Amino acid sequence: MKQYKEIKQIAKYIQKIQRLSEQLAERIDVDDIEWNTAHLVSMSKEQLSHLELVADEYYVKQYQGYIEDDFYGWLYYATDVPGQYVKVHFGSY
């Protein structure tokens, strides 16, 4: 049987993401955050000025869906690199 080491690595990464998400859930509300969409982006101060800063923790670009409590959008968490953020989707597509 042919083996692909990448498949095992993918499974290990998924397990690690799950563990990290559970650890993070002890400190912040991670409901409806889709970690599989997380990726690094660079943003200037001008680009950030179009986003809302929430509780000095993250920036958000939020939209409202068809019903009153249906919110979705993107969260931007700062990294240790100036101008670099982790962009992650929340809510439903």
PDB file of N, CA and C in Angstrom:
ATOM      1  N   MET A   1       0.849  -1.183   0.000  1.00  0.00           N
ATOM      2  CA  MET A   1       0.000   0.000   0.000  1.00  0.00           C
ATOM      3  C   MET A   1       0.887   1.235   0.000  1.00  0.00           C
ATOM      4  N   LYS A   2       0.562   2.183  -0.865  1.00  0.00           N
ATOM      5  CA  LYS A   2       1.321   3.419  -0.953  1.00  0.00           C
ATOM      6  C   LYS A   2       0.993   4.311   0.245  1.00  0.00           C
ATOM      7  N   GLN A   3       2.022   4.945   0.785  1.00  0.00           N
ATOM      8  CA  GLN A   3       1.844   5.824   1.932  1.00  0.00           C
ATOM      9  C   GLN A   3       2.241   7.249   1.559  1.00  0.00           C
ATOM     10  N   TYR A   4       1.479   8.193   2.098  1.00  0.00           N
ATOM     11  CA  TYR A   4       1.750   9.609   1.864  1.00  0.00           C
ATOM     12  C   TYR A   4       1.975  10.276   3.217  1.00  0.00           C
ATOM     13  N   LYS A   5       3.210  10.705   3.455  1.00  0.00           N
ATOM     14  CA  LYS A   5       3.527  11.295   4.760  1.00  0.00           C
ATOM     15  C   LYS A   5       2.748  12.590   4.998  1.00  0.00           C
ATOM     16  N   GLU A   6       2.368  13.274   3.922  1.00  0.00           N
ATOM     17  CA  GLU A   6       1.621  14.523   4.064  1.00  0.00           C
ATOM     18  C   GLU A   6       0.258  14.307   4.726  1.00  0.00           C
ATOM     19  N   ILE A   7      -0.353  13.164   4.467  1.00  0.00           N
ATOM     20  CA  ILE A   7      -1.664  12.869   5.056  1.00  0.00           C
ATOM     21  C   ILE A   7      -1.546  12.779   6.576  1.00  0.00           C
ATOM     22  N   LYS A   8      -0.513  12.119   7.045  1.00  0.00           N
ATOM     23  CA  LYS A   8      -0.295  12.016   8.488  1.00  0.00           C
ATOM     24  C   LYS A   8      -0.015  13.401   9.074  1.00  0.00           C
ATOM     25  N   GLN A   9       0.771  14.215   8.376  1.00  0.00           N
ATOM     26  CA  GLN A   9       1.075  15.557   8.855  1.00  0.00           C
ATOM     27  C   GLN A   9      -0.188  16.407   8.940  1.00  0.00           C
ATOM     28  N   ILE A  10      -1.057  16.284   7.947  1.00  0.00           N
ATOM     29  CA  ILE A  10      -2.325  17.021   7.972  1.00  0.00           C
ATOM     30  C   ILE A  10      -3.137  16.629   9.199  1.00  0.00           C
ATOM     31  N   ALA A  11      -3.247  15.343   9.469  1.00  0.00           N
ATOM     32  CA  ALA A  11      -4.001  14.862  10.626  1.00  0.00           C
ATOM     33  C   ALA A  11      -3.405  15.405  11.928  1.00  0.00           C
ATOM     34  N   LYS A  12      -2.088  15.410  12.021  1.00  0.00           N
ATOM     35  CA  LYS A  12      -1.425  15.928  13.222  1.00  0.00           C
ATOM     36  C   LYS A  12      -1.685  17.423  13.385  1.00  0.00           C
ATOM     37  N   TYR A  13      -1.644  18.180  12.287  1.00  0.00           N
ATOM     38  CA  TYR A  13      -1.902  19.614  12.359  1.00  0.00           C
ATOM     39  C   TYR A  13      -3.343  19.895  12.779  1.00  0.00           C
ATOM     40  N   ILE A  14      -4.273  19.134  12.263  1.00  0.00           N
ATOM     41  CA  ILE A  14      -5.681  19.312  12.627  1.00  0.00           C
ATOM     42  C   ILE A  14      -5.873  19.052  14.120  1.00  0.00           C
ATOM     43  N   GLN A  15      -5.245  17.994  14.632  1.00  0.00           N
ATOM     44  CA  GLN A  15      -5.328  17.701  16.063  1.00  0.00           C
ATOM     45  C   GLN A  15      -4.715  18.827  16.885  1.00  0.00           C
ATOM     46  N   LYS A  16      -3.584  19.354  16.419  1.00  0.00           N
ATOM     47  CA  LYS A  16      -2.928  20.445  17.141  1.00  0.00           C
ATOM     48  C   LYS A  16      -3.796  21.697  17.129  1.00  0.00           C
ATOM     49  N   ILE A  17      -4.410  22.001  16.004  1.00  0.00           N
ATOM     50  CA  ILE A  17      -5.312  23.155  15.922  1.00  0.00           C
ATOM     51  C   ILE A  17      -6.466  22.998  16.906  1.00  0.00           C
ATOM     52  N   GLN A  18      -7.016  21.799  16.985  1.00  0.00           N
ATOM     53  CA  GLN A  18      -8.112  21.545  17.913  1.00  0.00           C
ATOM     54  C   GLN A  18      -7.663  21.774  19.356  1.00  0.00           C
ATOM     55  N   ARG A  19      -6.485  21.256  19.716  1.00  0.00           N
ATOM     56  CA  ARG A  19      -5.974  21.446  21.077  1.00  0.00           C
ATOM     57  C   ARG A  19      -5.733  22.930  21.374  1.00  0.00           C
ATOM     58  N   LEU A  20      -5.119  23.643  20.435  1.00  0.00           N
ATOM     59  CA  LEU A  20      -4.861  25.067  20.636  1.00  0.00           C
ATOM     60  C   LEU A  20      -6.155  25.860  20.757  1.00  0.00           C
ATOM     61  N   SER A  21      -7.146  25.499  19.966  1.00  0.00           N
ATOM     62  CA  SER A  21      -8.439  26.165  20.035  1.00  0.00           C
ATOM     63  C   SER A  21      -9.092  25.947  21.397  1.00  0.00           C
ATOM     64  N   GLU A  22      -8.991  24.734  21.922  1.00  0.00           N
ATOM     65  CA  GLU A  22      -9.555  24.438  23.243  1.00  0.00           C
ATOM     66  C   GLU A  22      -8.832  25.230  24.332  1.00  0.00           C
ATOM     67  N   GLN A  23      -7.507  25.340  24.224  1.00  0.00           N
ATOM     68  CA  GLN A  23      -6.746  26.124  25.201  1.00  0.00           C
ATOM     69  C   GLN A  23      -7.121  27.599  25.114  1.00  0.00           C
ATOM     70  N   LEU A  24      -7.265  28.107  23.896  1.00  0.00           N
ATOM     71  CA  LEU A  24      -7.623  29.506  23.699  1.00  0.00           C
ATOM     72  C   LEU A  24      -9.034  29.797  24.206  1.00  0.00           C
ATOM     73  N   ALA A  25      -9.925  28.828  24.100  1.00  0.00           N
ATOM     74  CA  ALA A  25     -11.313  28.996  24.544  1.00  0.00           C
ATOM     75  C   ALA A  25     -11.398  29.249  26.049  1.00  0.00           C
ATOM     76  N   GLU A  26     -10.348  28.879  26.786  1.00  0.00           N
ATOM     77  CA  GLU A  26     -10.321  29.146  28.222  1.00  0.00           C
ATOM     78  C   GLU A  26     -10.073  30.627  28.509  1.00  0.00           C
ATOM     79  N   ARG A  27      -9.539  31.352  27.505  1.00  0.00           N
ATOM     80  CA  ARG A  27      -9.193  32.761  27.703  1.00  0.00           C
ATOM     81  C   ARG A  27     -10.078  33.727  26.939  1.00  0.00           C
ATOM     82  N   ILE A  28     -10.573  33.321  25.766  1.00  0.00           N
ATOM     83  CA  ILE A  28     -11.436  34.195  24.966  1.00  0.00           C
ATOM     84  C   ILE A  28     -12.597  33.389  24.405  1.00  0.00           C
ATOM     85  N   ASP A  29     -13.626  34.097  23.935  1.00  0.00           N
ATOM     86  CA  ASP A  29     -14.782  33.452  23.315  1.00  0.00           C
ATOM     87  C   ASP A  29     -14.429  33.096  21.871  1.00  0.00           C
ATOM     88  N   VAL A  30     -14.332  31.814  21.582  1.00  0.00           N
ATOM     89  CA  VAL A  30     -13.945  31.379  20.235  1.00  0.00           C
ATOM     90  C   VAL A  30     -15.117  30.776  19.465  1.00  0.00           C
ATOM     91  N   ASP A  31     -16.327  30.917  19.996  1.00  0.00           N
ATOM     92  CA  ASP A  31     -17.498  30.393  19.293  1.00  0.00           C
ATOM     93  C   ASP A  31     -17.607  31.036  17.916  1.00  0.00           C
ATOM     94  N   ASP A  32     -17.921  30.234  16.937  1.00  0.00           N
ATOM     95  CA  ASP A  32     -18.137  30.670  15.552  1.00  0.00           C
ATOM     96  C   ASP A  32     -16.878  31.148  14.832  1.00  0.00           C
ATOM     97  N   ILE A  33     -15.695  30.990  15.444  1.00  0.00           N
ATOM     98  CA  ILE A  33     -14.458  31.325  14.744  1.00  0.00           C
ATOM     99  C   ILE A  33     -14.028  30.112  13.935  1.00  0.00           C
ATOM    100  N   GLU A  34     -13.784  30.323  12.668  1.00  0.00           N
ATOM    101  CA  GLU A  34     -13.430  29.237  11.751  1.00  0.00           C
ATOM    102  C   GLU A  34     -11.913  29.222  11.573  1.00  0.00           C
ATOM    103  N   TRP A  35     -11.230  28.491  12.452  1.00  0.00           N
ATOM    104  CA  TRP A  35      -9.767  28.498  12.476  1.00  0.00           C
ATOM    105  C   TRP A  35      -9.150  27.989  11.175  1.00  0.00           C
ATOM    106  N   ASN A  36      -9.877  27.187  10.434  1.00  0.00           N
ATOM    107  CA  ASN A  36      -9.328  26.682   9.176  1.00  0.00           C
ATOM    108  C   ASN A  36      -9.175  27.783   8.134  1.00  0.00           C
ATOM    109  N   THR A  37      -9.726  28.975   8.391  1.00  0.00           N
ATOM    110  CA  THR A  37      -9.581  30.100   7.463  1.00  0.00           C
ATOM    111  C   THR A  37      -8.436  31.027   7.860  1.00  0.00           C
ATOM    112  N   ALA A  38      -7.784  30.765   8.981  1.00  0.00           N
ATOM    113  CA  ALA A  38      -6.752  31.663   9.496  1.00  0.00           C
ATOM    114  C   ALA A  38      -5.558  31.736   8.555  1.00  0.00           C
ATOM    115  N   HIS A  39      -5.135  32.969   8.303  1.00  0.00           N
ATOM    116  CA  HIS A  39      -3.920  33.169   7.513  1.00  0.00           C
ATOM    117  C   HIS A  39      -3.304  34.524   7.872  1.00  0.00           C
ATOM    118  N   LEU A  40      -2.020  34.675   7.588  1.00  0.00           N
ATOM    119  CA  LEU A  40      -1.297  35.896   7.913  1.00  0.00           C
ATOM    120  C   LEU A  40      -1.514  36.948   6.837  1.00  0.00           C
ATOM    121  N   VAL A  41      -1.705  38.194   7.279  1.00  0.00           N
ATOM    122  CA  VAL A  41      -1.829  39.322   6.358  1.00  0.00           C
ATOM    123  C   VAL A  41      -1.004  40.486   6.906  1.00  0.00           C
ATOM    124  N   SER A  42      -0.560  41.338   6.006  1.00  0.00           N
ATOM    125  CA  SER A  42       0.107  42.580   6.390  1.00  0.00           C
ATOM    126  C   SER A  42      -0.871  43.717   6.165  1.00  0.00           C
ATOM    127  N   MET A  43      -0.928  44.639   7.136  1.00  0.00           N
ATOM    128  CA  MET A  43      -1.868  45.754   7.025  1.00  0.00           C
ATOM    129  C   MET A  43      -1.195  47.040   7.480  1.00  0.00           C
ATOM    130  N   SER A  44      -1.455  48.094   6.752  1.00  0.00           N
ATOM    131  CA  SER A  44      -0.942  49.412   7.111  1.00  0.00           C
ATOM    132  C   SER A  44      -1.897  50.076   8.108  1.00  0.00           C
ATOM    133  N   LYS A  45      -1.433  51.166   8.715  1.00  0.00           N
ATOM    134  CA  LYS A  45      -2.296  51.906   9.642  1.00  0.00           C
ATOM    135  C   LYS A  45      -3.533  52.441   8.932  1.00  0.00           C
ATOM    136  N   GLU A  46      -3.368  52.807   7.672  1.00  0.00           N
ATOM    137  CA  GLU A  46      -4.514  53.301   6.899  1.00  0.00           C
ATOM    138  C   GLU A  46      -5.556  52.197   6.710  1.00  0.00           C
ATOM    139  N   GLN A  47      -5.110  51.000   6.395  1.00  0.00           N
ATOM    140  CA  GLN A  47      -6.039  49.874   6.228  1.00  0.00           C
ATOM    141  C   GLN A  47      -6.731  49.557   7.545  1.00  0.00           C
ATOM    142  N   LEU A  48      -5.986  49.622   8.652  1.00  0.00           N
ATOM    143  CA  LEU A  48      -6.576  49.350   9.958  1.00  0.00           C
ATOM    144  C   LEU A  48      -7.607  50.398  10.350  1.00  0.00           C
ATOM    145  N   SER A  49      -7.451  51.601   9.857  1.00  0.00           N
ATOM    146  CA  SER A  49      -8.387  52.674  10.224  1.00  0.00           C
ATOM    147  C   SER A  49      -9.798  52.397   9.710  1.00  0.00           C
ATOM    148  N   HIS A  50      -9.945  51.489   8.757  1.00  0.00           N
ATOM    149  CA  HIS A  50     -11.258  51.134   8.229  1.00  0.00           C
ATOM    150  C   HIS A  50     -11.906  49.998   9.025  1.00  0.00           C
ATOM    151  N   LEU A  51     -11.200  49.513  10.035  1.00  0.00           N
ATOM    152  CA  LEU A  51     -11.705  48.422  10.858  1.00  0.00           C
ATOM    153  C   LEU A  51     -12.016  48.937  12.255  1.00  0.00           C
ATOM    154  N   GLU A  52     -12.822  48.183  12.989  1.00  0.00           N
ATOM    155  CA  GLU A  52     -13.170  48.559  14.358  1.00  0.00           C
ATOM    156  C   GLU A  52     -12.267  47.805  15.329  1.00  0.00           C
ATOM    157  N   LEU A  53     -11.634  48.511  16.252  1.00  0.00           N
ATOM    158  CA  LEU A  53     -10.823  47.892  17.297  1.00  0.00           C
ATOM    159  C   LEU A  53     -11.744  47.508  18.443  1.00  0.00           C
ATOM    160  N   VAL A  54     -11.716  46.253  18.838  1.00  0.00           N
ATOM    161  CA  VAL A  54     -12.617  45.744  19.879  1.00  0.00           C
ATOM    162  C   VAL A  54     -11.812  45.436  21.139  1.00  0.00           C
ATOM    163  N   ALA A  55     -12.124  46.145  22.206  1.00  0.00           N
ATOM    164  CA  ALA A  55     -11.553  45.911  23.535  1.00  0.00           C
ATOM    165  C   ALA A  55     -10.030  45.816  23.513  1.00  0.00           C
ATOM    166  N   ASP A  56      -9.391  46.537  22.613  1.00  0.00           N
ATOM    167  CA  ASP A  56      -7.937  46.537  22.487  1.00  0.00           C
ATOM    168  C   ASP A  56      -7.368  45.116  22.319  1.00  0.00           C
ATOM    169  N   GLU A  57      -8.178  44.199  21.747  1.00  0.00           N
ATOM    170  CA  GLU A  57      -7.740  42.815  21.558  1.00  0.00           C
ATOM    171  C   GLU A  57      -7.607  42.437  20.088  1.00  0.00           C
ATOM    172  N   TYR A  58      -8.500  42.936  19.249  1.00  0.00           N
ATOM    173  CA  TYR A  58      -8.491  42.571  17.838  1.00  0.00           C
ATOM    174  C   TYR A  58      -9.269  43.616  17.036  1.00  0.00           C
ATOM    175  N   TYR A  59      -9.027  43.602  15.743  1.00  0.00           N
ATOM    176  CA  TYR A  59      -9.808  44.436  14.826  1.00  0.00           C
ATOM    177  C   TYR A  59     -10.872  43.549  14.194  1.00  0.00           C
ATOM    178  N   VAL A  60     -11.970  44.158  13.765  1.00  0.00           N
ATOM    179  CA  VAL A  60     -13.052  43.385  13.163  1.00  0.00           C
ATOM    180  C   VAL A  60     -13.624  44.133  11.961  1.00  0.00           C
ATOM    181  N   LYS A  61     -13.962  43.368  10.943  1.00  0.00           N
ATOM    182  CA  LYS A  61     -14.757  43.854   9.813  1.00  0.00           C
ATOM    183  C   LYS A  61     -15.994  42.974   9.820  1.00  0.00           C
ATOM    184  N   GLN A  62     -17.109  43.544  10.243  1.00  0.00           N
ATOM    185  CA  GLN A  62     -18.307  42.766  10.526  1.00  0.00           C
ATOM    186  C   GLN A  62     -19.458  43.158   9.614  1.00  0.00           C
ATOM    187  N   TYR A  63     -20.246  42.173   9.257  1.00  0.00           N
ATOM    188  CA  TYR A  63     -21.442  42.364   8.432  1.00  0.00           C
ATOM    189  C   TYR A  63     -22.618  41.743   9.150  1.00  0.00           C
ATOM    190  N   GLN A  64     -23.826  42.231   8.836  1.00  0.00           N
ATOM    191  CA  GLN A  64     -25.038  41.648   9.402  1.00  0.00           C
ATOM    192  C   GLN A  64     -25.770  40.894   8.310  1.00  0.00           C
ATOM    193  N   GLY A  65     -26.213  39.687   8.661  1.00  0.00           N
ATOM    194  CA  GLY A  65     -26.943  38.864   7.713  1.00  0.00           C
ATOM    195  C   GLY A  65     -28.403  39.257   7.634  1.00  0.00           C
ATOM    196  N   TYR A  66     -29.227  38.329   7.218  1.00  0.00           N
ATOM    197  CA  TYR A  66     -30.650  38.596   7.001  1.00  0.00           C
ATOM    198  C   TYR A  66     -31.453  38.721   8.278  1.00  0.00           C
ATOM    199  N   ILE A  67     -31.025  38.032   9.324  1.00  0.00           N
ATOM    200  CA  ILE A  67     -31.772  38.120  10.579  1.00  0.00           C
ATOM    201  C   ILE A  67     -30.984  38.974  11.570  1.00  0.00           C
ATOM    202  N   GLU A  68     -31.643  39.401  12.617  1.00  0.00           N
ATOM    203  CA  GLU A  68     -31.096  40.376  13.542  1.00  0.00           C
ATOM    204  C   GLU A  68     -29.772  39.964  14.193  1.00  0.00           C
ATOM    205  N   ASP A  69     -29.667  38.738  14.660  1.00  0.00           N
ATOM    206  CA  ASP A  69     -28.460  38.283  15.361  1.00  0.00           C
ATOM    207  C   ASP A  69     -27.506  37.506  14.465  1.00  0.00           C
ATOM    208  N   ASP A  70     -27.573  37.696  13.177  1.00  0.00           N
ATOM    209  CA  ASP A  70     -26.738  36.972  12.227  1.00  0.00           C
ATOM    210  C   ASP A  70     -25.570  37.856  11.795  1.00  0.00           C
ATOM    211  N   PHE A  71     -24.455  37.736  12.505  1.00  0.00           N
ATOM    212  CA  PHE A  71     -23.275  38.532  12.193  1.00  0.00           C
ATOM    213  C   PHE A  71     -22.173  37.623  11.667  1.00  0.00           C
ATOM    214  N   TYR A  72     -21.383  38.154  10.765  1.00  0.00           N
ATOM    215  CA  TYR A  72     -20.248  37.415  10.223  1.00  0.00           C
ATOM    216  C   TYR A  72     -19.207  38.418   9.750  1.00  0.00           C
ATOM    217  N   GLY A  73     -18.013  37.936   9.507  1.00  0.00           N
ATOM    218  CA  GLY A  73     -16.964  38.821   9.033  1.00  0.00           C
ATOM    219  C   GLY A  73     -15.592  38.270   9.311  1.00  0.00           C
ATOM    220  N   TRP A  74     -14.645  39.184   9.511  1.00  0.00           N
ATOM    221  CA  TRP A  74     -13.247  38.818   9.703  1.00  0.00           C
ATOM    222  C   TRP A  74     -12.706  39.458  10.979  1.00  0.00           C
ATOM    223  N   LEU A  75     -11.941  38.666  11.726  1.00  0.00           N
ATOM    224  CA  LEU A  75     -11.219  39.172  12.894  1.00  0.00           C
ATOM    225  C   LEU A  75      -9.749  39.266  12.521  1.00  0.00           C
ATOM    226  N   TYR A  76      -9.067  40.278  13.051  1.00  0.00           N
ATOM    227  CA  TYR A  76      -7.646  40.494  12.785  1.00  0.00           C
ATOM    228  C   TYR A  76      -6.923  40.566  14.132  1.00  0.00           C
ATOM    229  N   TYR A  77      -6.136  39.536  14.449  1.00  0.00           N
ATOM    230  CA  TYR A  77      -5.377  39.484  15.688  1.00  0.00           C
ATOM    231  C   TYR A  77      -3.933  39.867  15.410  1.00  0.00           C
ATOM    232  N   ALA A  78      -3.372  40.746  16.237  1.00  0.00           N
ATOM    233  CA  ALA A  78      -1.989  41.180  16.071  1.00  0.00           C
ATOM    234  C   ALA A  78      -1.029  40.026  16.364  1.00  0.00           C
ATOM    235  N   THR A  79       0.098  40.039  15.681  1.00  0.00           N
ATOM    236  CA  THR A  79       1.171  39.082  15.945  1.00  0.00           C
ATOM    237  C   THR A  79       2.345  39.842  16.552  1.00  0.00           C
ATOM    238  N   ASP A  80       3.429  39.133  16.793  1.00  0.00           N
ATOM    239  CA  ASP A  80       4.630  39.775  17.344  1.00  0.00           C
ATOM    240  C   ASP A  80       5.420  40.535  16.278  1.00  0.00           C
ATOM    241  N   VAL A  81       4.968  40.502  15.033  1.00  0.00           N
ATOM    242  CA  VAL A  81       5.618  41.231  13.937  1.00  0.00           C
ATOM    243  C   VAL A  81       4.799  42.491  13.653  1.00  0.00           C
ATOM    244  N   PRO A  82       5.412  43.669  13.736  1.00  0.00           N
ATOM    245  CA  PRO A  82       4.662  44.898  13.463  1.00  0.00           C
ATOM    246  C   PRO A  82       4.019  44.882  12.076  1.00  0.00           C
ATOM    247  N   GLY A  83       2.738  45.253  12.020  1.00  0.00           N
ATOM    248  CA  GLY A  83       2.012  45.308  10.756  1.00  0.00           C
ATOM    249  C   GLY A  83       1.497  43.965  10.260  1.00  0.00           C
ATOM    250  N   GLN A  84       1.733  42.902  11.013  1.00  0.00           N
ATOM    251  CA  GLN A  84       1.277  41.561  10.606  1.00  0.00           C
ATOM    252  C   GLN A  84       0.132  41.121  11.525  1.00  0.00           C
ATOM    253  N   TYR A  85      -0.889  40.530  10.919  1.00  0.00           N
ATOM    254  CA  TYR A  85      -2.073  40.099  11.662  1.00  0.00           C
ATOM    255  C   TYR A  85      -2.501  38.713  11.194  1.00  0.00           C
ATOM    256  N   VAL A  86      -3.188  38.001  12.085  1.00  0.00           N
ATOM    257  CA  VAL A  86      -3.839  36.756  11.703  1.00  0.00           C
ATOM    258  C   VAL A  86      -5.277  37.113  11.376  1.00  0.00           C
ATOM    259  N   LYS A  87      -5.680  36.852  10.150  1.00  0.00           N
ATOM    260  CA  LYS A  87      -7.040  37.134   9.688  1.00  0.00           C
ATOM    261  C   LYS A  87      -7.816  35.825   9.734  1.00  0.00           C
ATOM    262  N   VAL A  88      -8.956  35.839  10.408  1.00  0.00           N
ATOM    263  CA  VAL A  88      -9.750  34.618  10.557  1.00  0.00           C
ATOM    264  C   VAL A  88     -11.233  34.968  10.440  1.00  0.00           C
ATOM    265  N   HIS A  89     -11.968  34.116   9.763  1.00  0.00           N
ATOM    266  CA  HIS A  89     -13.403  34.332   9.544  1.00  0.00           C
ATOM    267  C   HIS A  89     -14.200  33.874  10.754  1.00  0.00           C
ATOM    268  N   PHE A  90     -15.294  34.579  11.031  1.00  0.00           N
ATOM    269  CA  PHE A  90     -16.235  34.145  12.072  1.00  0.00           C
ATOM    270  C   PHE A  90     -17.644  34.231  11.530  1.00  0.00           C
ATOM    271  N   GLY A  91     -18.530  33.484  12.132  1.00  0.00           N
ATOM    272  CA  GLY A  91     -19.921  33.454  11.691  1.00  0.00           C
ATOM    273  C   GLY A  91     -20.112  32.442  10.587  1.00  0.00           C
ATOM    274  N   SER A  92     -21.183  32.619   9.846  1.00  0.00           N
ATOM    275  CA  SER A  92     -21.483  31.664   8.761  1.00  0.00           C
ATOM    276  C   SER A  92     -21.311  32.341   7.420  1.00  0.00           C
ATOM    277  N   TYR A  93     -20.956  31.569   6.436  1.00  0.00           N
ATOM    278  CA  TYR A  93     -20.803  32.096   5.078  1.00  0.00           C
ATOM    279  C   TYR A  93     -22.168  32.259   4.455  1.00  0.00           C
TER     280      TYR A  93
END
